[in-house]
Protein backbone atom coordinates (compact mmCIF):
# COMPACT_ATOMS: atom_id res chain seq x y z
CA MET A 1 -32.98 -6.69 31.01
CA ALA A 2 -30.24 -4.48 32.43
CA ASN A 3 -26.75 -5.74 33.24
CA SER A 4 -26.53 -5.77 37.04
CA ASP A 5 -22.82 -4.95 37.04
CA SER A 6 -22.75 -1.97 34.70
CA GLY A 7 -26.32 -0.73 34.90
CA LYS A 8 -26.71 -0.90 31.12
CA ASP A 9 -28.34 -3.41 28.82
CA SER A 10 -26.22 -6.40 27.87
CA PHE A 11 -25.11 -7.33 24.38
CA GLU A 12 -27.53 -10.26 24.40
CA ASP A 13 -30.46 -8.01 25.33
CA ASN A 14 -29.88 -5.95 22.17
CA ILE A 15 -29.00 -8.69 19.71
CA ASP A 16 -32.10 -8.08 17.56
CA GLN A 17 -31.32 -4.37 17.16
CA ILE A 18 -27.66 -5.14 16.46
CA ASN A 19 -28.51 -7.68 13.73
CA ARG A 20 -31.04 -5.30 12.19
CA LEU A 21 -28.48 -2.48 11.97
CA ILE A 22 -25.83 -4.83 10.56
CA SER A 23 -28.23 -5.96 7.81
CA LEU A 24 -29.23 -2.37 7.10
CA HIS A 25 -25.62 -1.26 6.64
CA LEU A 26 -24.52 -4.28 4.60
CA GLY A 27 -27.37 -3.63 2.20
CA LYS A 28 -25.75 -0.34 1.25
CA TRP A 29 -22.39 -1.90 0.29
CA ARG A 30 -21.36 -3.56 -2.95
CA MET A 31 -20.54 -6.94 -1.51
CA LYS A 32 -20.19 -8.67 -4.88
CA SER A 33 -17.25 -6.44 -5.80
CA ILE A 34 -15.03 -8.42 -3.43
CA PRO A 35 -15.50 -12.14 -4.18
CA SER A 36 -13.05 -13.25 -1.48
CA ILE A 37 -15.53 -12.50 1.32
CA THR A 38 -19.27 -13.05 1.68
CA GLN A 39 -21.95 -10.94 3.31
CA ASP A 40 -22.47 -13.62 5.95
CA ASP A 41 -18.73 -13.58 6.76
CA ILE A 42 -18.78 -9.82 7.25
CA ALA A 43 -21.99 -9.95 9.29
CA GLN A 44 -20.40 -12.46 11.67
CA GLU A 45 -17.25 -10.37 11.93
CA LEU A 46 -19.27 -7.24 12.70
CA LEU A 47 -21.27 -9.07 15.34
CA LEU A 48 -18.10 -10.31 17.04
CA HIS A 49 -16.51 -6.86 16.80
CA ILE A 50 -19.52 -5.19 18.45
CA TYR A 51 -19.44 -7.80 21.19
CA LYS A 52 -15.75 -7.08 21.88
CA GLN A 53 -16.42 -3.32 21.90
CA TRP A 54 -19.50 -3.51 24.11
CA ASP A 55 -17.75 -2.37 27.28
CA SER A 56 -16.85 0.92 25.58
CA TYR A 57 -20.52 1.81 25.02
CA ASP A 58 -21.69 4.79 27.11
CA SER A 59 -25.22 3.93 28.20
CA SER A 60 -26.08 7.63 28.57
CA ARG A 61 -25.99 7.94 24.75
CA PRO A 62 -28.33 6.42 22.14
CA LEU A 63 -27.37 2.80 21.53
CA GLY A 64 -28.33 2.87 17.86
CA ASN A 65 -25.92 5.72 17.10
CA TRP A 66 -23.08 3.90 18.83
CA ILE A 67 -23.74 0.64 16.98
CA THR A 68 -23.91 2.51 13.67
CA ARG A 69 -20.56 4.20 14.30
CA VAL A 70 -18.89 0.92 15.28
CA ILE A 71 -20.27 -0.84 12.19
CA SER A 72 -19.25 1.98 9.83
CA ASN A 73 -15.69 2.15 11.16
CA ARG A 74 -15.27 -1.61 11.04
CA LEU A 75 -16.65 -1.87 7.50
CA LYS A 76 -14.15 0.72 6.30
CA ASN A 77 -11.32 -1.30 7.83
CA ILE A 78 -12.59 -4.56 6.32
CA PHE A 79 -12.89 -3.12 2.85
CA ARG A 80 -9.57 -1.32 3.13
CA ASP A 81 -7.83 -4.55 4.13
CA GLU A 82 -9.41 -6.36 1.19
CA TYR A 83 -8.39 -3.51 -1.11
CA TYR A 84 -4.76 -3.81 -0.02
CA LYS A 85 -4.68 -7.38 -1.30
CA PHE A 86 -5.20 -6.04 -4.81
CA ALA A 87 -3.22 -2.79 -4.58
CA SER A 88 -0.63 -2.02 -7.23
CA PRO A 89 2.85 -3.40 -6.44
CA CYS A 90 4.21 0.02 -7.43
CA LEU A 91 3.08 1.43 -4.10
CA SER A 92 5.69 -0.65 -2.26
CA CYS A 93 8.36 -0.65 -4.96
CA PRO A 94 11.60 1.26 -4.19
CA ALA A 95 11.46 2.76 -7.70
CA TYR A 96 8.00 4.29 -7.19
CA LEU A 97 8.09 8.11 -7.11
CA GLY A 98 4.42 8.79 -6.39
CA GLN A 99 1.67 10.30 -8.51
CA ASN A 100 2.10 13.24 -10.85
CA SER A 101 -0.40 16.08 -11.27
CA THR A 102 -2.56 13.98 -13.62
CA GLY A 103 -2.80 11.09 -11.16
CA GLU A 104 -0.41 8.85 -13.10
CA GLY A 105 2.13 6.84 -11.12
CA GLU A 106 5.75 7.79 -11.81
CA CYS A 107 8.59 5.27 -11.81
CA ARG A 108 12.32 5.89 -11.47
CA LEU A 109 13.05 3.08 -13.93
CA PHE A 110 10.31 3.25 -16.55
CA GLY A 111 9.18 6.85 -16.39
CA HIS A 112 5.66 5.92 -15.32
CA CYS A 113 3.87 2.78 -14.13
CA ASN A 114 3.24 0.69 -17.24
CA THR A 115 3.24 -2.88 -18.49
CA VAL A 116 6.84 -2.70 -19.70
CA CYS A 117 7.57 -3.63 -16.08
CA LYS A 118 6.78 -7.35 -15.75
CA ILE A 119 5.69 -7.03 -12.13
CA TYR A 120 3.23 -4.27 -13.00
CA LYS A 121 1.99 -6.21 -16.05
CA LYS A 122 1.25 -9.27 -13.90
CA TRP A 123 -0.78 -7.08 -11.54
CA VAL A 124 -2.72 -5.54 -14.45
CA ASP A 125 -3.49 -8.99 -15.88
CA GLU A 126 -4.46 -10.64 -12.61
CA LYS A 127 -5.55 -8.08 -10.02
CA LYS A 128 -6.26 -4.64 -11.44
CA SER A 129 -9.96 -5.39 -11.95
CA GLN A 130 -10.27 -6.11 -8.23
CA HIS A 131 -8.27 -2.98 -7.42
CA ASP A 132 -10.88 -0.84 -9.17
CA ILE A 133 -13.69 -1.69 -6.76
CA LYS A 134 -15.89 1.01 -5.22
CA LEU A 135 -14.67 2.02 -1.76
CA PRO A 136 -16.44 4.02 0.96
CA VAL A 137 -13.37 6.24 1.18
CA THR A 138 -11.25 7.75 -1.57
CA TYR A 139 -7.81 6.54 -2.52
CA GLU A 140 -6.34 9.98 -1.86
CA ASP A 141 -7.64 10.04 1.73
CA HIS A 142 -5.65 6.94 2.57
CA LEU A 143 -2.60 7.32 0.34
CA ASN A 144 -0.21 7.31 3.28
CA GLU A 145 -1.82 4.19 4.72
CA ILE A 146 -1.64 2.43 1.36
CA ASN A 147 1.99 3.36 0.87
CA SER A 148 2.83 1.97 4.30
CA LYS A 149 1.12 -1.33 3.58
CA PRO A 150 3.52 -3.97 2.25
CA PHE A 151 2.68 -5.81 -0.95
CA ASP A 152 2.57 -9.33 0.46
CA GLU A 153 3.16 -11.30 -2.73
CA ILE A 154 6.57 -9.84 -3.66
CA ASN A 155 9.59 -9.88 -1.39
CA PHE A 156 11.29 -6.69 -2.50
CA ASP A 157 14.25 -7.28 -0.19
CA ASP A 158 15.05 -10.52 -2.02
CA ARG A 159 14.50 -8.92 -5.42
CA ILE A 160 16.83 -6.04 -4.54
CA GLU A 161 19.54 -8.44 -3.36
CA ASP A 162 19.19 -10.37 -6.61
CA LEU A 163 19.41 -7.14 -8.59
CA LYS A 164 22.55 -6.08 -6.67
CA ILE A 165 24.27 -9.35 -7.57
CA LYS A 166 23.42 -9.01 -11.26
CA LEU A 167 24.48 -5.36 -11.41
CA GLN A 168 27.77 -6.03 -9.66
CA SER A 169 28.84 -8.18 -12.61
CA ARG A 170 27.77 -5.57 -15.17
CA LEU A 171 28.95 -2.33 -13.58
CA SER A 172 32.44 -1.08 -12.84
CA ASP A 173 33.43 -0.84 -9.17
CA ASN A 174 32.83 2.91 -9.05
CA ASP A 175 29.53 2.69 -10.92
CA TYR A 176 28.36 -0.03 -8.54
CA LYS A 177 29.28 2.15 -5.56
CA ILE A 178 27.25 4.97 -7.08
CA PHE A 179 24.30 2.62 -7.58
CA ILE A 180 24.44 1.44 -3.95
CA GLY A 181 24.90 4.97 -2.62
CA LEU A 182 22.10 6.60 -4.60
CA TYR A 183 19.46 3.90 -4.83
CA ILE A 184 20.06 1.65 -1.83
CA ASP A 185 21.53 3.98 0.83
CA ASN A 186 19.61 7.06 -0.43
CA LYS A 187 22.65 9.32 -0.42
CA THR A 188 22.77 12.54 -2.43
CA GLU A 189 24.82 13.06 -5.57
CA ILE A 190 27.02 15.50 -3.69
CA GLU A 191 27.70 12.97 -0.92
CA ILE A 192 28.61 10.29 -3.47
CA SER A 193 30.86 12.70 -5.38
CA LYS A 194 32.77 13.57 -2.22
CA GLU A 195 33.12 9.93 -1.19
CA LEU A 196 34.55 9.00 -4.59
CA GLY A 197 36.81 12.04 -4.71
CA TYR A 198 35.12 13.63 -7.70
CA LYS A 199 35.45 17.36 -8.23
CA ILE A 200 32.11 19.02 -7.63
CA ASN A 201 30.99 21.70 -10.05
CA THR A 202 30.62 24.74 -7.82
CA LYS A 203 28.01 26.27 -10.11
CA THR A 204 25.56 23.37 -10.11
CA GLU A 205 26.87 21.50 -7.05
CA VAL A 206 26.40 18.27 -9.02
CA ASN A 207 29.17 16.34 -10.71
CA ARG A 208 28.50 15.65 -14.39
CA GLN A 209 30.11 12.25 -14.18
CA ILE A 210 27.55 11.16 -11.60
CA LYS A 211 24.73 12.15 -13.95
CA THR A 212 26.27 10.13 -16.79
CA VAL A 213 26.69 7.08 -14.57
CA LYS A 214 23.09 7.39 -13.34
CA ALA A 215 21.77 7.21 -16.91
CA ASN A 216 23.91 4.14 -17.57
CA ILE A 217 22.73 2.46 -14.35
CA ILE A 218 19.08 3.05 -15.22
CA ASN A 219 19.52 1.50 -18.66
CA ILE A 220 21.26 -1.58 -17.24
CA VAL A 221 18.63 -1.99 -14.52
CA LYS A 222 15.92 -1.89 -17.18
CA GLN A 223 17.73 -4.57 -19.16
CA VAL A 224 18.04 -6.80 -16.09
CA LEU A 225 14.38 -6.43 -15.17
CA LEU A 226 13.21 -7.06 -18.73
CA GLU A 227 15.34 -10.22 -18.89
CA ASP A 228 13.97 -11.44 -15.55
CA GLU A 229 10.35 -12.58 -15.57
């Protein structure tokens, strides 16, 4: 039965084909790898999504191809959203420097992502197995999207404020200013040197005193994080 307003079949007219294609596509996915959602849940979500998208269907094109494309795109989004729930906290941590050439995550504080960091260790113990699920798209293809996704179980703003308070009592005034400038305000070593009135080495354009303070700051930050569960 054609829709009298648009001249194309209605959603209801094609419900059998829609359900068949949904079942066909879900059968190709590893549903058990994500225990937080069931196949029935996803099937209902896909059905609702197709219904909401129905007006965008061009009746001059094959309906099956359109339904398949809508299902595939929505499934990728569903699985990606579920994946984010288990993503490493490093991806949203201010100390994260990205991956090196071997694919290992690098950390400003600990050299690389490892269980010396209590936050990372908790993730390894509780969520890493879910992180390692099979996805229809590669991690590399969506690295920018993953990095932009906040890790919803850790409030890094609060943790940073707490760290600032603890460091203020352990660092000298100048060292604390260097910490804030470099790691909070993202200023360069040259900018910090000029602000503090340090003489800049014209050969290297980096003040040696800044480098010494940076090493001291990193060590103290490590101590604070290791003390704090």
